[in-house]
Amino acid sequence: SFVDAKRIGVFGWSYGGFMTLRLLSQASDKIAMGVSVAPVT
């Protein structure tokens, strides 16, 4: 009840950077934005 589902963003570095890109690519309808640092692509 305390979360705005339209304002969820993701950040990750390295493997987390890869995860950020995969999450945005698969679920941009659920994740509003992302920051990817030094990702494996």
Full PDB file with SEQRES, HELIX, SHEET, SSBOND, CRYST1, ORIGX, SCALE, CONECT and MASTER records, all heavy atoms in Angstrom:
SEQRES   1 A   41  SER PHE VAL ASP ALA LYS ARG ILE GLY VAL PHE GLY TRP          
SEQRES   2 A   41  SER TYR GLY GLY PHE MET THR LEU ARG LEU LEU SER GLN          
SEQRES   3 A   41  ALA SER ASP LYS ILE ALA MET GLY VAL SER VAL ALA PRO          
SEQRES   4 A   41  VAL THR                                                      
HELIX    1 AA1 TYR A   15  ALA A   27  1                                  13    
SHEET    1 AA1 2 GLY A   9  TRP A  13  0                                        
SHEET    2 AA1 2 MET A  33  VAL A  37  1                                        
CRYST1    1.000    1.000    1.000  90.00  90.00  90.00 P 1           1          
ORIGX1      1.000000  0.000000  0.000000        0.00000                         
ORIGX2      0.000000  1.000000  0.000000        0.00000                         
ORIGX3      0.000000  0.000000  1.000000        0.00000                         
SCALE1      1.000000  0.000000  0.000000        0.00000                         
SCALE2      0.000000  1.000000  0.000000        0.00000                         
SCALE3      0.000000  0.000000  1.000000        0.00000                         
ATOM      1  N   SER A   1       0.807  -1.222   0.000  1.00  0.00           N  
ATOM      2  CA  SER A   1       0.000   0.000   0.000  1.00  0.00           C  
ATOM      3  C   SER A   1       0.838   1.268   0.000  1.00  0.00           C  
ATOM      4  O   SER A   1       0.372   2.329  -0.425  1.00  0.00           O  
ATOM      5  CB  SER A   1      -0.930   0.001   1.216  1.00  0.00           C  
ATOM      6  OG  SER A   1      -0.168  -0.022   2.430  1.00  0.00           O  
ATOM      7  N   PHE A   2       2.088   1.157   0.460  1.00  0.00           N  
ATOM      8  CA  PHE A   2       2.947   2.341   0.564  1.00  0.00           C  
ATOM      9  C   PHE A   2       3.878   2.506  -0.636  1.00  0.00           C  
ATOM     10  O   PHE A   2       4.736   3.397  -0.641  1.00  0.00           O  
ATOM     11  CB  PHE A   2       3.778   2.284   1.855  1.00  0.00           C  
ATOM     12  CG  PHE A   2       4.578   1.015   2.014  1.00  0.00           C  
ATOM     13  CD1 PHE A   2       5.842   0.888   1.459  1.00  0.00           C  
ATOM     14  CD2 PHE A   2       4.059  -0.061   2.722  1.00  0.00           C  
ATOM     15  CE1 PHE A   2       6.582  -0.263   1.603  1.00  0.00           C  
ATOM     16  CE2 PHE A   2       4.790  -1.226   2.879  1.00  0.00           C  
ATOM     17  CZ  PHE A   2       6.059  -1.333   2.317  1.00  0.00           C  
ATOM     18  N   VAL A   3       3.735   1.675  -1.656  1.00  0.00           N  
ATOM     19  CA  VAL A   3       4.600   1.740  -2.844  1.00  0.00           C  
ATOM     20  C   VAL A   3       3.793   2.206  -4.050  1.00  0.00           C  
ATOM     21  O   VAL A   3       2.675   1.736  -4.294  1.00  0.00           O  
ATOM     22  CB  VAL A   3       5.233   0.360  -3.142  1.00  0.00           C  
ATOM     23  CG1 VAL A   3       5.886   0.348  -4.530  1.00  0.00           C  
ATOM     24  CG2 VAL A   3       6.269   0.007  -2.082  1.00  0.00           C  
ATOM     25  N   ASP A   4       4.391   3.129  -4.801  1.00  0.00           N  
ATOM     26  CA  ASP A   4       3.814   3.539  -6.073  1.00  0.00           C  
ATOM     27  C   ASP A   4       4.394   2.622  -7.156  1.00  0.00           C  
ATOM     28  O   ASP A   4       5.562   2.752  -7.529  1.00  0.00           O  
ATOM     29  CB  ASP A   4       4.161   4.999  -6.363  1.00  0.00           C  
ATOM     30  CG  ASP A   4       3.504   5.511  -7.640  1.00  0.00           C  
ATOM     31  OD1 ASP A   4       3.024   4.686  -8.444  1.00  0.00           O  
ATOM     32  OD2 ASP A   4       3.481   6.744  -7.834  1.00  0.00           O  
ATOM     33  N   ALA A   5       3.597   1.680  -7.637  1.00  0.00           N  
ATOM     34  CA  ALA A   5       4.080   0.672  -8.582  1.00  0.00           C  
ATOM     35  C   ALA A   5       4.563   1.275  -9.895  1.00  0.00           C  
ATOM     36  O   ALA A   5       5.304   0.627 -10.641  1.00  0.00           O  
ATOM     37  CB  ALA A   5       2.972  -0.343  -8.853  1.00  0.00           C  
ATOM     38  N   LYS A   6       4.181   2.509 -10.185  1.00  0.00           N  
ATOM     39  CA  LYS A   6       4.614   3.155 -11.422  1.00  0.00           C  
ATOM     40  C   LYS A   6       5.935   3.901 -11.248  1.00  0.00           C  
ATOM     41  O   LYS A   6       6.445   4.482 -12.210  1.00  0.00           O  
ATOM     42  CB  LYS A   6       3.537   4.125 -11.909  1.00  0.00           C  
ATOM     43  CG  LYS A   6       2.243   3.434 -12.318  1.00  0.00           C  
ATOM     44  CD  LYS A   6       1.231   4.438 -12.840  1.00  0.00           C  
ATOM     45  CE  LYS A   6      -0.067   3.732 -13.270  1.00  0.00           C  
ATOM     46  NZ  LYS A   6      -1.067   4.702 -13.787  1.00  0.00           N  
ATOM     47  N   ARG A   7       6.466   3.891 -10.033  1.00  0.00           N  
ATOM     48  CA  ARG A   7       7.726   4.603  -9.769  1.00  0.00           C  
ATOM     49  C   ARG A   7       8.747   3.657  -9.121  1.00  0.00           C  
ATOM     50  O   ARG A   7       9.268   3.909  -8.046  1.00  0.00           O  
ATOM     51  CB  ARG A   7       7.481   5.815  -8.876  1.00  0.00           C  
ATOM     52  CG  ARG A   7       6.718   6.957  -9.565  1.00  0.00           C  
ATOM     53  CD  ARG A   7       6.753   8.219  -8.718  1.00  0.00           C  
ATOM     54  NE  ARG A   7       5.980   8.075  -7.488  1.00  0.00           N  
ATOM     55  CZ  ARG A   7       6.100   8.877  -6.432  1.00  0.00           C  
ATOM     56  NH1 ARG A   7       6.980   9.882  -6.443  1.00  0.00           N  
ATOM     57  NH2 ARG A   7       5.355   8.683  -5.353  1.00  0.00           N  
ATOM     58  N   ILE A   8       9.040   2.572  -9.796  1.00  0.00           N  
ATOM     59  CA  ILE A   8      10.069   1.627  -9.344  1.00  0.00           C  
ATOM     60  C   ILE A   8      11.240   1.708 -10.304  1.00  0.00           C  
ATOM     61  O   ILE A   8      11.094   1.524 -11.516  1.00  0.00           O  
ATOM     62  CB  ILE A   8       9.523   0.187  -9.282  1.00  0.00           C  
ATOM     63  CG1 ILE A   8       8.388   0.089  -8.257  1.00  0.00           C  
ATOM     64  CG2 ILE A   8      10.637  -0.800  -8.929  1.00  0.00           C  
ATOM     65  CD1 ILE A   8       7.732  -1.279  -8.190  1.00  0.00           C  
ATOM     66  N   GLY A   9      12.420   2.009  -9.768  1.00  0.00           N  
ATOM     67  CA  GLY A   9      13.632   2.093 -10.576  1.00  0.00           C  
ATOM     68  C   GLY A   9      14.664   1.096 -10.098  1.00  0.00           C  
ATOM     69  O   GLY A   9      14.648   0.659  -8.943  1.00  0.00           O  
ATOM     70  N   VAL A  10      15.613   0.727 -10.970  1.00  0.00           N  
ATOM     71  CA  VAL A  10      16.605  -0.293 -10.645  1.00  0.00           C  
ATOM     72  C   VAL A  10      18.009   0.223 -10.930  1.00  0.00           C  
ATOM     73  O   VAL A  10      18.234   0.962 -11.896  1.00  0.00           O  
ATOM     74  CB  VAL A  10      16.335  -1.601 -11.427  1.00  0.00           C  
ATOM     75  CG1 VAL A  10      16.392  -1.366 -12.931  1.00  0.00           C  
ATOM     76  CG2 VAL A  10      17.317  -2.701 -11.022  1.00  0.00           C  
ATOM     77  N   PHE A  11      18.934  -0.154 -10.060  1.00  0.00           N  
ATOM     78  CA  PHE A  11      20.352   0.171 -10.235  1.00  0.00           C  
ATOM     79  C   PHE A  11      21.187  -1.087 -10.030  1.00  0.00           C  
ATOM     80  O   PHE A  11      20.907  -1.888  -9.140  1.00  0.00           O  
ATOM     81  CB  PHE A  11      20.809   1.233  -9.232  1.00  0.00           C  
ATOM     82  CG  PHE A  11      22.282   1.155  -8.889  1.00  0.00           C  
ATOM     83  CD1 PHE A  11      23.236   1.549  -9.818  1.00  0.00           C  
ATOM     84  CD2 PHE A  11      22.712   0.643  -7.672  1.00  0.00           C  
ATOM     85  CE1 PHE A  11      24.593   1.445  -9.523  1.00  0.00           C  
ATOM     86  CE2 PHE A  11      24.059   0.548  -7.366  1.00  0.00           C  
ATOM     87  CZ  PHE A  11      25.006   0.951  -8.296  1.00  0.00           C  
ATOM     88  N   GLY A  12      22.242  -1.251 -10.849  1.00  0.00           N  
ATOM     89  CA  GLY A  12      23.171  -2.353 -10.652  1.00  0.00           C  
ATOM     90  C   GLY A  12      24.517  -2.064 -11.279  1.00  0.00           C  
ATOM     91  O   GLY A  12      24.626  -1.292 -12.241  1.00  0.00           O  
ATOM     92  N   TRP A  13      25.556  -2.700 -10.736  1.00  0.00           N  
ATOM     93  CA  TRP A  13      26.946  -2.512 -11.191  1.00  0.00           C  
ATOM     94  C   TRP A  13      27.521  -3.872 -11.566  1.00  0.00           C  
ATOM     95  O   TRP A  13      27.342  -4.848 -10.854  1.00  0.00           O  
ATOM     96  CB  TRP A  13      27.737  -1.893 -10.048  1.00  0.00           C  
ATOM     97  CG  TRP A  13      29.077  -1.296 -10.394  1.00  0.00           C  
ATOM     98  CD1 TRP A  13      30.079  -1.848 -11.128  1.00  0.00           C  
ATOM     99  CD2 TRP A  13      29.565  -0.007  -9.990  1.00  0.00           C  
ATOM    100  NE1 TRP A  13      31.158  -1.001 -11.223  1.00  0.00           N  
ATOM    101  CE2 TRP A  13      30.867   0.140 -10.526  1.00  0.00           C  
ATOM    102  CE3 TRP A  13      29.035   1.024  -9.211  1.00  0.00           C  
ATOM    103  CZ2 TRP A  13      31.654   1.282 -10.301  1.00  0.00           C  
ATOM    104  CZ3 TRP A  13      29.809   2.162  -9.001  1.00  0.00           C  
ATOM    105  CH2 TRP A  13      31.102   2.289  -9.537  1.00  0.00           C  
ATOM    106  N   SER A  14      28.232  -3.953 -12.675  1.00  0.00           N  
ATOM    107  CA  SER A  14      28.872  -5.187 -13.127  1.00  0.00           C  
ATOM    108  C   SER A  14      27.794  -6.212 -13.490  1.00  0.00           C  
ATOM    109  O   SER A  14      27.007  -5.973 -14.406  1.00  0.00           O  
ATOM    110  CB  SER A  14      29.834  -5.702 -12.061  1.00  0.00           C  
ATOM    111  OG  SER A  14      30.700  -6.697 -12.594  1.00  0.00           O  
ATOM    112  N   TYR A  15      27.721  -7.342 -12.778  1.00  0.00           N  
ATOM    113  CA  TYR A  15      26.611  -8.264 -13.039  1.00  0.00           C  
ATOM    114  C   TYR A  15      25.285  -7.546 -12.785  1.00  0.00           C  
ATOM    115  O   TYR A  15      24.295  -7.772 -13.486  1.00  0.00           O  
ATOM    116  CB  TYR A  15      26.726  -9.500 -12.151  1.00  0.00           C  
ATOM    117  CG  TYR A  15      25.940 -10.703 -12.657  1.00  0.00           C  
ATOM    118  CD1 TYR A  15      26.587 -11.774 -13.271  1.00  0.00           C  
ATOM    119  CD2 TYR A  15      24.559 -10.767 -12.517  1.00  0.00           C  
ATOM    120  CE1 TYR A  15      25.872 -12.877 -13.739  1.00  0.00           C  
ATOM    121  CE2 TYR A  15      23.834 -11.854 -12.985  1.00  0.00           C  
ATOM    122  CZ  TYR A  15      24.495 -12.911 -13.590  1.00  0.00           C  
ATOM    123  OH  TYR A  15      23.795 -13.999 -14.060  1.00  0.00           O  
ATOM    124  N   GLY A  16      25.282  -6.685 -11.780  1.00  0.00           N  
ATOM    125  CA  GLY A  16      24.081  -5.892 -11.524  1.00  0.00           C  
ATOM    126  C   GLY A  16      23.753  -4.962 -12.678  1.00  0.00           C  
ATOM    127  O   GLY A  16      22.580  -4.676 -12.953  1.00  0.00           O  
ATOM    128  N   GLY A  17      24.777  -4.471 -13.373  1.00  0.00           N  
ATOM    129  CA  GLY A  17      24.541  -3.664 -14.568  1.00  0.00           C  
ATOM    130  C   GLY A  17      23.891  -4.477 -15.669  1.00  0.00           C  
ATOM    131  O   GLY A  17      22.985  -4.006 -16.374  1.00  0.00           O  
ATOM    132  N   PHE A  18      24.354  -5.708 -15.835  1.00  0.00           N  
ATOM    133  CA  PHE A  18      23.720  -6.645 -16.761  1.00  0.00           C  
ATOM    134  C   PHE A  18      22.266  -6.874 -16.373  1.00  0.00           C  
ATOM    135  O   PHE A  18      21.356  -6.854 -17.211  1.00  0.00           O  
ATOM    136  CB  PHE A  18      24.508  -7.957 -16.747  1.00  0.00           C  
ATOM    137  CG  PHE A  18      23.775  -9.160 -17.277  1.00  0.00           C  
ATOM    138  CD1 PHE A  18      23.549  -9.310 -18.629  1.00  0.00           C  
ATOM    139  CD2 PHE A  18      23.326 -10.149 -16.410  1.00  0.00           C  
ATOM    140  CE1 PHE A  18      22.875 -10.435 -19.119  1.00  0.00           C  
ATOM    141  CE2 PHE A  18      22.663 -11.263 -16.876  1.00  0.00           C  
ATOM    142  CZ  PHE A  18      22.426 -11.416 -18.235  1.00  0.00           C  
ATOM    143  N   MET A  19      22.038  -7.083 -15.075  1.00  0.00           N  
ATOM    144  CA  MET A  19      20.671  -7.317 -14.592  1.00  0.00           C  
ATOM    145  C   MET A  19      19.765  -6.113 -14.862  1.00  0.00           C  
ATOM    146  O   MET A  19      18.598  -6.272 -15.235  1.00  0.00           O  
ATOM    147  CB  MET A  19      20.697  -7.640 -13.108  1.00  0.00           C  
ATOM    148  CG  MET A  19      21.219  -9.030 -12.783  1.00  0.00           C  
ATOM    149  SD  MET A  19      20.061 -10.318 -13.292  1.00  0.00           S  
ATOM    150  CE  MET A  19      18.721 -10.025 -12.135  1.00  0.00           C  
ATOM    151  N   THR A  20      20.286  -4.912 -14.669  1.00  0.00           N  
ATOM    152  CA  THR A  20      19.495  -3.713 -14.945  1.00  0.00           C  
ATOM    153  C   THR A  20      19.029  -3.691 -16.396  1.00  0.00           C  
ATOM    154  O   THR A  20      17.852  -3.440 -16.690  1.00  0.00           O  
ATOM    155  CB  THR A  20      20.311  -2.446 -14.631  1.00  0.00           C  
ATOM    156  OG1 THR A  20      20.571  -2.385 -13.229  1.00  0.00           O  
ATOM    157  CG2 THR A  20      19.573  -1.191 -15.057  1.00  0.00           C  
ATOM    158  N   LEU A  21      19.946  -3.969 -17.318  1.00  0.00           N  
ATOM    159  CA  LEU A  21      19.597  -3.956 -18.736  1.00  0.00           C  
ATOM    160  C   LEU A  21      18.599  -5.057 -19.081  1.00  0.00           C  
ATOM    161  O   LEU A  21      17.667  -4.845 -19.862  1.00  0.00           O  
ATOM    162  CB  LEU A  21      20.861  -4.088 -19.579  1.00  0.00           C  
ATOM    163  CG  LEU A  21      21.870  -2.935 -19.461  1.00  0.00           C  
ATOM    164  CD1 LEU A  21      23.130  -3.243 -20.255  1.00  0.00           C  
ATOM    165  CD2 LEU A  21      21.257  -1.618 -19.924  1.00  0.00           C  
ATOM    166  N   ARG A  22      18.792  -6.240 -18.489  1.00  0.00           N  
ATOM    167  CA  ARG A  22      17.861  -7.349 -18.766  1.00  0.00           C  
ATOM    168  C   ARG A  22      16.474  -7.043 -18.194  1.00  0.00           C  
ATOM    169  O   ARG A  22      15.450  -7.333 -18.818  1.00  0.00           O  
ATOM    170  CB  ARG A  22      18.399  -8.654 -18.183  1.00  0.00           C  
ATOM    171  CG  ARG A  22      19.548  -9.241 -18.945  1.00  0.00           C  
ATOM    172  CD  ARG A  22      19.114  -9.816 -20.310  1.00  0.00           C  
ATOM    173  NE  ARG A  22      18.468 -11.121 -20.137  1.00  0.00           N  
ATOM    174  CZ  ARG A  22      17.179 -11.361 -20.383  1.00  0.00           C  
ATOM    175  NH1 ARG A  22      16.381 -10.394 -20.806  1.00  0.00           N  
ATOM    176  NH2 ARG A  22      16.673 -12.576 -20.227  1.00  0.00           N  
ATOM    177  N   LEU A  23      16.430  -6.457 -17.005  1.00  0.00           N  
ATOM    178  CA  LEU A  23      15.143  -6.124 -16.397  1.00  0.00           C  
ATOM    179  C   LEU A  23      14.402  -5.074 -17.214  1.00  0.00           C  
ATOM    180  O   LEU A  23      13.190  -5.187 -17.456  1.00  0.00           O  
ATOM    181  CB  LEU A  23      15.354  -5.638 -14.962  1.00  0.00           C  
ATOM    182  CG  LEU A  23      15.642  -6.727 -13.930  1.00  0.00           C  
ATOM    183  CD1 LEU A  23      16.235  -6.132 -12.659  1.00  0.00           C  
ATOM    184  CD2 LEU A  23      14.379  -7.514 -13.599  1.00  0.00           C  
ATOM    185  N   LEU A  24      15.109  -4.049 -17.645  1.00  0.00           N  
ATOM    186  CA  LEU A  24      14.462  -3.007 -18.446  1.00  0.00           C  
ATOM    187  C   LEU A  24      14.016  -3.556 -19.799  1.00  0.00           C  
ATOM    188  O   LEU A  24      12.952  -3.182 -20.314  1.00  0.00           O  
ATOM    189  CB  LEU A  24      15.412  -1.830 -18.654  1.00  0.00           C  
ATOM    190  CG  LEU A  24      15.748  -0.981 -17.421  1.00  0.00           C  
ATOM    191  CD1 LEU A  24      16.670   0.163 -17.811  1.00  0.00           C  
ATOM    192  CD2 LEU A  24      14.494  -0.443 -16.758  1.00  0.00           C  
ATOM    193  N   SER A  25      14.815  -4.438 -20.381  1.00  0.00           N  
ATOM    194  CA  SER A  25      14.474  -4.996 -21.688  1.00  0.00           C  
ATOM    195  C   SER A  25      13.257  -5.913 -21.613  1.00  0.00           C  
ATOM    196  O   SER A  25      12.492  -6.020 -22.567  1.00  0.00           O  
ATOM    197  CB  SER A  25      15.666  -5.776 -22.257  1.00  0.00           C  
ATOM    198  OG  SER A  25      16.764  -4.922 -22.482  1.00  0.00           O  
ATOM    199  N   GLN A  26      13.102  -6.585 -20.481  1.00  0.00           N  
ATOM    200  CA  GLN A  26      12.008  -7.533 -20.332  1.00  0.00           C  
ATOM    201  C   GLN A  26      10.778  -6.927 -19.670  1.00  0.00           C  
ATOM    202  O   GLN A  26       9.659  -7.391 -19.898  1.00  0.00           O  
ATOM    203  CB  GLN A  26      12.476  -8.738 -19.504  1.00  0.00           C  
ATOM    204  CG  GLN A  26      11.464  -9.861 -19.390  1.00  0.00           C  
ATOM    205  CD  GLN A  26      12.088 -11.132 -18.859  1.00  0.00           C  
ATOM    206  OE1 GLN A  26      13.238 -11.457 -19.162  1.00  0.00           O  
ATOM    207  NE2 GLN A  26      11.337 -11.861 -18.060  1.00  0.00           N  
ATOM    208  N   ALA A  27      10.976  -5.878 -18.873  1.00  0.00           N  
ATOM    209  CA  ALA A  27       9.851  -5.406 -18.065  1.00  0.00           C  
ATOM    210  C   ALA A  27       9.826  -3.892 -17.924  1.00  0.00           C  
ATOM    211  O   ALA A  27       9.659  -3.360 -16.832  1.00  0.00           O  
ATOM    212  CB  ALA A  27       9.898  -6.069 -16.688  1.00  0.00           C  
ATOM    213  N   SER A  28       9.986  -3.169 -19.024  1.00  0.00           N  
ATOM    214  CA  SER A  28       9.874  -1.709 -18.941  1.00  0.00           C  
ATOM    215  C   SER A  28       8.473  -1.272 -18.556  1.00  0.00           C  
ATOM    216  O   SER A  28       8.273  -0.131 -18.135  1.00  0.00           O  
ATOM    217  CB  SER A  28      10.271  -1.067 -20.279  1.00  0.00           C  
ATOM    218  OG  SER A  28      11.685  -0.944 -20.377  1.00  0.00           O  
ATOM    219  N   ASP A  29       7.487  -2.166 -18.683  1.00  0.00           N  
ATOM    220  CA  ASP A  29       6.133  -1.825 -18.255  1.00  0.00           C  
ATOM    221  C   ASP A  29       5.993  -1.866 -16.733  1.00  0.00           C  
ATOM    222  O   ASP A  29       5.047  -1.311 -16.174  1.00  0.00           O  
ATOM    223  CB  ASP A  29       5.127  -2.790 -18.874  1.00  0.00           C  
ATOM    224  CG  ASP A  29       5.405  -4.245 -18.526  1.00  0.00           C  
ATOM    225  OD1 ASP A  29       6.592  -4.596 -18.338  1.00  0.00           O  
ATOM    226  OD2 ASP A  29       4.442  -5.029 -18.444  1.00  0.00           O  
ATOM    227  N   LYS A  30       6.961  -2.510 -16.064  1.00  0.00           N  
ATOM    228  CA  LYS A  30       6.918  -2.616 -14.608  1.00  0.00           C  
ATOM    229  C   LYS A  30       8.009  -1.797 -13.923  1.00  0.00           C  
ATOM    230  O   LYS A  30       7.896  -1.480 -12.739  1.00  0.00           O  
ATOM    231  CB  LYS A  30       7.061  -4.079 -14.181  1.00  0.00           C  
ATOM    232  CG  LYS A  30       5.931  -4.990 -14.648  1.00  0.00           C  
ATOM    233  CD  LYS A  30       6.178  -6.415 -14.173  1.00  0.00           C  
ATOM    234  CE  LYS A  30       5.024  -7.331 -14.579  1.00  0.00           C  
ATOM    235  NZ  LYS A  30       4.973  -7.528 -16.050  1.00  0.00           N  
ATOM    236  N   ILE A  31       9.067  -1.475 -14.655  1.00  0.00           N  
ATOM    237  CA  ILE A  31      10.201  -0.752 -14.082  1.00  0.00           C  
ATOM    238  C   ILE A  31      10.351   0.565 -14.831  1.00  0.00           C  
ATOM    239  O   ILE A  31      10.555   0.590 -16.048  1.00  0.00           O  
ATOM    240  CB  ILE A  31      11.491  -1.583 -14.151  1.00  0.00           C  
ATOM    241  CG1 ILE A  31      11.277  -2.915 -13.410  1.00  0.00           C  
ATOM    242  CG2 ILE A  31      12.664  -0.826 -13.542  1.00  0.00           C  
ATOM    243  CD1 ILE A  31      12.443  -3.859 -13.490  1.00  0.00           C  
ATOM    244  N   ALA A  32      10.271   1.647 -14.104  1.00  0.00           N  
ATOM    245  CA  ALA A  32      10.157   2.973 -14.718  1.00  0.00           C  
ATOM    246  C   ALA A  32      11.472   3.523 -15.236  1.00  0.00           C  
ATOM    247  O   ALA A  32      11.471   4.411 -16.099  1.00  0.00           O  
ATOM    248  CB  ALA A  32       9.557   3.950 -13.713  1.00  0.00           C  
ATOM    249  N   MET A  33      12.615   3.032 -14.719  1.00  0.00           N  
ATOM    250  CA  MET A  33      13.913   3.566 -15.130  1.00  0.00           C  
ATOM    251  C   MET A  33      15.015   2.672 -14.595  1.00  0.00           C  
ATOM    252  O   MET A  33      14.779   1.832 -13.725  1.00  0.00           O  
ATOM    253  CB  MET A  33      14.119   4.976 -14.591  1.00  0.00           C  
ATOM    254  CG  MET A  33      13.899   5.108 -13.104  1.00  0.00           C  
ATOM    255  SD  MET A  33      15.132   6.097 -12.208  1.00  0.00           S  
ATOM    256  CE  MET A  33      16.608   5.156 -12.413  1.00  0.00           C  
ATOM    257  N   GLY A  34      16.246   2.860 -15.112  1.00  0.00           N  
ATOM    258  CA  GLY A  34      17.354   2.064 -14.608  1.00  0.00           C  
ATOM    259  C   GLY A  34      18.689   2.744 -14.800  1.00  0.00           C  
ATOM    260  O   GLY A  34      18.876   3.553 -15.720  1.00  0.00           O  
ATOM    261  N   VAL A  35      19.625   2.400 -13.920  1.00  0.00           N  
ATOM    262  CA  VAL A  35      21.014   2.850 -14.029  1.00  0.00           C  
ATOM    263  C   VAL A  35      21.892   1.607 -14.089  1.00  0.00           C  
ATOM    264  O   VAL A  35      21.850   0.758 -13.191  1.00  0.00           O  
ATOM    265  CB  VAL A  35      21.439   3.726 -12.839  1.00  0.00           C  
ATOM    266  CG1 VAL A  35      22.897   4.140 -12.991  1.00  0.00           C  
ATOM    267  CG2 VAL A  35      20.541   4.946 -12.715  1.00  0.00           C  
ATOM    268  N   SER A  36      22.680   1.495 -15.144  1.00  0.00           N  
ATOM    269  CA  SER A  36      23.547   0.337 -15.364  1.00  0.00           C  
ATOM    270  C   SER A  36      24.993   0.804 -15.412  1.00  0.00           C  
ATOM    271  O   SER A  36      25.364   1.612 -16.263  1.00  0.00           O  
ATOM    272  CB  SER A  36      23.169  -0.349 -16.686  1.00  0.00           C  
ATOM    273  OG  SER A  36      24.072  -1.392 -16.987  1.00  0.00           O  
ATOM    274  N   VAL A  37      25.806   0.287 -14.484  1.00  0.00           N  
ATOM    275  CA  VAL A  37      27.215   0.668 -14.418  1.00  0.00           C  
ATOM    276  C   VAL A  37      28.085  -0.537 -14.767  1.00  0.00           C  
ATOM    277  O   VAL A  37      27.911  -1.626 -14.206  1.00  0.00           O  
ATOM    278  CB  VAL A  37      27.589   1.191 -13.019  1.00  0.00           C  
ATOM    279  CG1 VAL A  37      29.039   1.685 -13.008  1.00  0.00           C  
ATOM    280  CG2 VAL A  37      26.646   2.304 -12.580  1.00  0.00           C  
ATOM    281  N   ALA A  38      29.021  -0.344 -15.708  1.00  0.00           N  
ATOM    282  CA  ALA A  38      30.000  -1.363 -16.109  1.00  0.00           C  
ATOM    283  C   ALA A  38      29.358  -2.716 -16.374  1.00  0.00           C  
ATOM    284  O   ALA A  38      29.758  -3.736 -15.811  1.00  0.00           O  
ATOM    285  CB  ALA A  38      31.094  -1.480 -15.056  1.00  0.00           C  
ATOM    286  N   PRO A  39      28.337  -2.760 -17.242  1.00  0.00           N  
ATOM    287  CA  PRO A  39      27.609  -4.018 -17.432  1.00  0.00           C  
ATOM    288  C   PRO A  39      28.284  -4.971 -18.415  1.00  0.00           C  
ATOM    289  O   PRO A  39      28.924  -4.545 -19.376  1.00  0.00           O  
ATOM    290  CB  PRO A  39      26.282  -3.531 -18.014  1.00  0.00           C  
ATOM    291  CG  PRO A  39      26.676  -2.341 -18.830  1.00  0.00           C  
ATOM    292  CD  PRO A  39      27.777  -1.667 -18.049  1.00  0.00           C  
ATOM    293  N   VAL A  40      28.115  -6.261 -18.176  1.00  0.00           N  
ATOM    294  CA  VAL A  40      28.342  -7.250 -19.222  1.00  0.00           C  
ATOM    295  C   VAL A  40      27.115  -7.196 -20.123  1.00  0.00           C  
ATOM    296  O   VAL A  40      25.981  -7.258 -19.642  1.00  0.00           O  
ATOM    297  CB  VAL A  40      28.507  -8.668 -18.644  1.00  0.00           C  
ATOM    298  CG1 VAL A  40      28.604  -9.695 -19.775  1.00  0.00           C  
ATOM    299  CG2 VAL A  40      29.732  -8.742 -17.753  1.00  0.00           C  
ATOM    300  N   THR A  41      27.327  -7.073 -21.423  1.00  0.00           N  
ATOM    301  CA  THR A  41      26.188  -7.031 -22.356  1.00  0.00           C  
ATOM    302  C   THR A  41      26.120  -8.274 -23.231  1.00  0.00           C  
ATOM    303  O   THR A  41      25.066  -8.595 -23.769  1.00  0.00           O  
ATOM    304  CB  THR A  41      26.259  -5.780 -23.248  1.00  0.00           C  
ATOM    305  OG1 THR A  41      27.508  -5.761 -23.953  1.00  0.00           O  
ATOM    306  CG2 THR A  41      26.138  -4.508 -22.406  1.00  0.00           C  
TER     307      THR A  41                                                      
MASTER        0    0    0    1    2    0    0    6  306    1    0    4          
END                                                                             
